[in-house]
Amino acid sequence: MRLTTKGQVTIPQALRRRYGLSAQSEVTIEATEGGVLIKPAVAPRLRRLKTALRRARGSANSGLTTDEIMRQTRDDQE
């Protein structure tokens, strides 16, 4: 694989398919001790969703057991 004079490189088709990369896909490039790492970028919407889920984790502590919650949510409440 060769680097063009513009610093561009072609990612082989098999790898693009494997990692879901297509035209206009965003990637991140990171320097590592072993060389350069190119990976798909996390879309901003997905990043926001993951952040929101991380913040919400554990916040629904109602003090009820799972069985109590299930009884309240079913039509055939006992």
N, C-alpha and C. Protein backbone atom coordinates (compact mmCIF):
# COMPACT_ATOMS: atom_id res chain seq x y z
N MET A 1 0.85 -1.16 0.00
CA MET A 1 0.00 0.00 0.00
C MET A 1 0.91 1.23 0.00
N ARG A 2 0.54 2.19 -0.81
CA ARG A 2 1.36 3.41 -0.89
C ARG A 2 0.57 4.62 -0.41
N LEU A 3 1.29 5.52 0.13
CA LEU A 3 0.74 6.79 0.56
C LEU A 3 0.86 7.76 -0.62
N THR A 4 -0.22 8.48 -0.96
CA THR A 4 -0.14 9.43 -2.07
C THR A 4 0.58 10.69 -1.61
N THR A 5 0.87 11.56 -2.56
CA THR A 5 1.53 12.82 -2.23
C THR A 5 0.65 13.70 -1.35
N LYS A 6 -0.66 13.44 -1.37
CA LYS A 6 -1.59 14.19 -0.52
C LYS A 6 -1.75 13.53 0.85
N GLY A 7 -1.04 12.44 1.12
CA GLY A 7 -1.13 11.77 2.40
C GLY A 7 -2.30 10.81 2.48
N GLN A 8 -2.86 10.43 1.36
CA GLN A 8 -4.02 9.53 1.33
C GLN A 8 -3.59 8.08 1.14
N VAL A 9 -4.41 7.20 1.67
CA VAL A 9 -4.18 5.77 1.51
C VAL A 9 -5.52 5.11 1.22
N THR A 10 -5.52 4.05 0.43
CA THR A 10 -6.75 3.33 0.11
C THR A 10 -6.90 2.17 1.08
N ILE A 11 -8.04 2.11 1.76
CA ILE A 11 -8.33 0.99 2.67
C ILE A 11 -8.89 -0.13 1.81
N PRO A 12 -8.33 -1.33 1.88
CA PRO A 12 -8.80 -2.43 1.05
C PRO A 12 -10.30 -2.70 1.23
N GLN A 13 -10.95 -3.10 0.14
CA GLN A 13 -12.39 -3.32 0.14
C GLN A 13 -12.83 -4.31 1.21
N ALA A 14 -12.08 -5.38 1.41
CA ALA A 14 -12.45 -6.39 2.41
C ALA A 14 -12.53 -5.77 3.81
N LEU A 15 -11.59 -4.88 4.12
CA LEU A 15 -11.61 -4.21 5.43
C LEU A 15 -12.73 -3.19 5.51
N ARG A 16 -13.00 -2.47 4.41
CA ARG A 16 -14.12 -1.52 4.42
C ARG A 16 -15.43 -2.24 4.68
N ARG A 17 -15.61 -3.37 4.04
CA ARG A 17 -16.84 -4.16 4.26
C ARG A 17 -16.91 -4.66 5.70
N ARG A 18 -15.81 -5.21 6.17
CA ARG A 18 -15.76 -5.79 7.52
C ARG A 18 -16.12 -4.77 8.59
N TYR A 19 -15.67 -3.52 8.42
CA TYR A 19 -15.88 -2.51 9.44
C TYR A 19 -16.96 -1.49 9.07
N GLY A 20 -17.71 -1.77 8.02
CA GLY A 20 -18.84 -0.91 7.66
C GLY A 20 -18.44 0.48 7.20
N LEU A 21 -17.32 0.58 6.53
CA LEU A 21 -16.86 1.87 6.04
C LEU A 21 -17.30 2.06 4.60
N SER A 22 -17.83 3.21 4.30
CA SER A 22 -18.23 3.53 2.93
C SER A 22 -17.81 4.96 2.64
N ALA A 23 -18.12 5.43 1.43
CA ALA A 23 -17.76 6.81 1.08
C ALA A 23 -18.34 7.75 2.13
N GLN A 24 -17.59 8.72 2.52
CA GLN A 24 -17.95 9.73 3.50
C GLN A 24 -17.96 9.22 4.95
N SER A 25 -17.56 7.97 5.19
CA SER A 25 -17.45 7.47 6.56
C SER A 25 -16.36 8.25 7.29
N GLU A 26 -16.58 8.49 8.56
CA GLU A 26 -15.59 9.17 9.38
C GLU A 26 -14.73 8.13 10.09
N VAL A 27 -13.46 8.38 10.18
CA VAL A 27 -12.54 7.50 10.90
C VAL A 27 -11.70 8.34 11.84
N THR A 28 -11.14 7.69 12.84
CA THR A 28 -10.19 8.36 13.71
C THR A 28 -8.83 7.74 13.48
N ILE A 29 -7.80 8.53 13.64
CA ILE A 29 -6.43 8.06 13.46
C ILE A 29 -5.69 8.38 14.74
N GLU A 30 -5.11 7.33 15.33
CA GLU A 30 -4.41 7.49 16.60
C GLU A 30 -2.98 6.98 16.49
N ALA A 31 -2.08 7.69 17.12
CA ALA A 31 -0.69 7.23 17.20
C ALA A 31 -0.60 6.23 18.34
N THR A 32 0.01 5.09 18.09
CA THR A 32 0.24 4.08 19.12
C THR A 32 1.72 3.74 19.14
N GLU A 33 2.14 2.98 20.14
CA GLU A 33 3.55 2.58 20.18
C GLU A 33 3.91 1.69 19.00
N GLY A 34 2.92 0.93 18.51
CA GLY A 34 3.18 0.02 17.40
C GLY A 34 3.00 0.64 16.04
N GLY A 35 2.52 1.86 15.95
CA GLY A 35 2.31 2.50 14.66
C GLY A 35 1.07 3.37 14.68
N VAL A 36 0.32 3.34 13.60
CA VAL A 36 -0.86 4.17 13.45
C VAL A 36 -2.09 3.28 13.47
N LEU A 37 -3.10 3.68 14.22
CA LEU A 37 -4.35 2.93 14.32
C LEU A 37 -5.45 3.74 13.65
N ILE A 38 -6.11 3.14 12.66
CA ILE A 38 -7.24 3.77 11.98
C ILE A 38 -8.47 2.98 12.35
N LYS A 39 -9.51 3.67 12.86
CA LYS A 39 -10.72 2.97 13.25
C LYS A 39 -11.94 3.82 12.97
N PRO A 40 -13.11 3.17 12.81
CA PRO A 40 -14.33 3.94 12.56
C PRO A 40 -14.58 4.92 13.70
N ALA A 41 -15.00 6.13 13.34
CA ALA A 41 -15.32 7.13 14.35
C ALA A 41 -16.71 6.84 14.90
N VAL A 42 -16.91 7.16 16.17
CA VAL A 42 -18.23 7.01 16.77
C VAL A 42 -19.04 8.24 16.35
N ALA A 43 -20.20 7.99 15.77
CA ALA A 43 -21.06 9.09 15.33
C ALA A 43 -21.47 9.95 16.52
N PRO A 44 -21.60 11.26 16.31
CA PRO A 44 -21.97 12.14 17.43
C PRO A 44 -23.27 11.72 18.11
N ARG A 45 -24.27 11.30 17.35
CA ARG A 45 -25.54 10.89 17.96
C ARG A 45 -25.34 9.66 18.84
N LEU A 46 -24.55 8.70 18.36
CA LEU A 46 -24.29 7.50 19.15
C LEU A 46 -23.50 7.86 20.40
N ARG A 47 -22.56 8.76 20.28
CA ARG A 47 -21.77 9.19 21.44
C ARG A 47 -22.67 9.83 22.50
N ARG A 48 -23.61 10.68 22.05
CA ARG A 48 -24.53 11.32 23.00
C ARG A 48 -25.43 10.28 23.67
N LEU A 49 -25.90 9.29 22.89
CA LEU A 49 -26.74 8.24 23.45
C LEU A 49 -25.98 7.45 24.51
N LYS A 50 -24.76 7.06 24.19
CA LYS A 50 -23.96 6.30 25.16
C LYS A 50 -23.72 7.11 26.43
N THR A 51 -23.47 8.40 26.29
CA THR A 51 -23.27 9.26 27.45
C THR A 51 -24.53 9.33 28.30
N ALA A 52 -25.69 9.50 27.63
CA ALA A 52 -26.96 9.58 28.36
C ALA A 52 -27.25 8.26 29.09
N LEU A 53 -27.00 7.15 28.44
CA LEU A 53 -27.23 5.85 29.08
C LEU A 53 -26.30 5.65 30.27
N ARG A 54 -25.06 6.07 30.13
CA ARG A 54 -24.10 5.94 31.23
C ARG A 54 -24.57 6.76 32.44
N ARG A 55 -25.06 7.97 32.17
CA ARG A 55 -25.54 8.82 33.26
C ARG A 55 -26.80 8.25 33.92
N ALA A 56 -27.66 7.62 33.12
CA ALA A 56 -28.94 7.11 33.64
C ALA A 56 -28.78 5.80 34.40
N ARG A 57 -27.71 5.07 34.16
CA ARG A 57 -27.52 3.77 34.79
C ARG A 57 -27.61 3.90 36.31
N GLY A 58 -28.49 3.09 36.90
CA GLY A 58 -28.64 3.07 38.35
C GLY A 58 -29.54 4.15 38.91
N SER A 59 -30.11 5.00 38.05
CA SER A 59 -30.91 6.10 38.56
C SER A 59 -32.37 5.73 38.80
N ALA A 60 -32.77 4.53 38.42
CA ALA A 60 -34.18 4.12 38.57
C ALA A 60 -34.35 3.23 39.79
N ASN A 61 -33.73 3.58 40.85
CA ASN A 61 -33.83 2.79 42.07
C ASN A 61 -35.12 3.15 42.80
N SER A 62 -36.15 2.34 42.62
CA SER A 62 -37.46 2.63 43.21
C SER A 62 -37.63 2.00 44.58
N GLY A 63 -36.72 1.12 44.95
CA GLY A 63 -36.85 0.43 46.22
C GLY A 63 -37.75 -0.79 46.15
N LEU A 64 -38.30 -1.06 44.96
CA LEU A 64 -39.17 -2.23 44.77
C LEU A 64 -38.36 -3.40 44.24
N THR A 65 -38.84 -4.61 44.52
CA THR A 65 -38.20 -5.79 43.95
C THR A 65 -38.69 -5.97 42.52
N THR A 66 -38.00 -6.79 41.77
CA THR A 66 -38.41 -7.08 40.40
C THR A 66 -39.82 -7.66 40.36
N ASP A 67 -40.13 -8.57 41.27
CA ASP A 67 -41.47 -9.16 41.31
C ASP A 67 -42.53 -8.10 41.57
N GLU A 68 -42.25 -7.15 42.45
CA GLU A 68 -43.22 -6.09 42.74
C GLU A 68 -43.45 -5.20 41.51
N ILE A 69 -42.39 -4.89 40.83
CA ILE A 69 -42.51 -4.08 39.61
C ILE A 69 -43.30 -4.84 38.55
N MET A 70 -43.02 -6.12 38.38
CA MET A 70 -43.73 -6.93 37.39
C MET A 70 -45.21 -7.00 37.71
N ARG A 71 -45.56 -7.14 38.97
CA ARG A 71 -46.98 -7.17 39.36
C ARG A 71 -47.66 -5.86 39.01
N GLN A 72 -46.97 -4.74 39.21
CA GLN A 72 -47.57 -3.43 38.92
C GLN A 72 -47.73 -3.18 37.43
N THR A 73 -46.90 -3.79 36.62
CA THR A 73 -46.95 -3.53 35.19
C THR A 73 -47.81 -4.49 34.39
N ARG A 74 -48.25 -5.56 35.01
CA ARG A 74 -49.09 -6.53 34.32
C ARG A 74 -50.56 -6.18 34.46
N ASP A 75 -51.34 -6.63 33.49
CA ASP A 75 -52.78 -6.40 33.52
C ASP A 75 -53.45 -7.18 34.64
N ASP A 76 -52.95 -8.37 34.90
CA ASP A 76 -53.58 -9.24 35.92
C ASP A 76 -52.99 -8.97 37.30
N GLN A 77 -53.08 -7.74 37.73
CA GLN A 77 -52.50 -7.37 39.04
C GLN A 77 -53.17 -8.15 40.15
N GLU A 78 -52.34 -8.60 41.04
CA GLU A 78 -52.85 -9.42 42.15
C GLU A 78 -53.13 -8.58 43.37
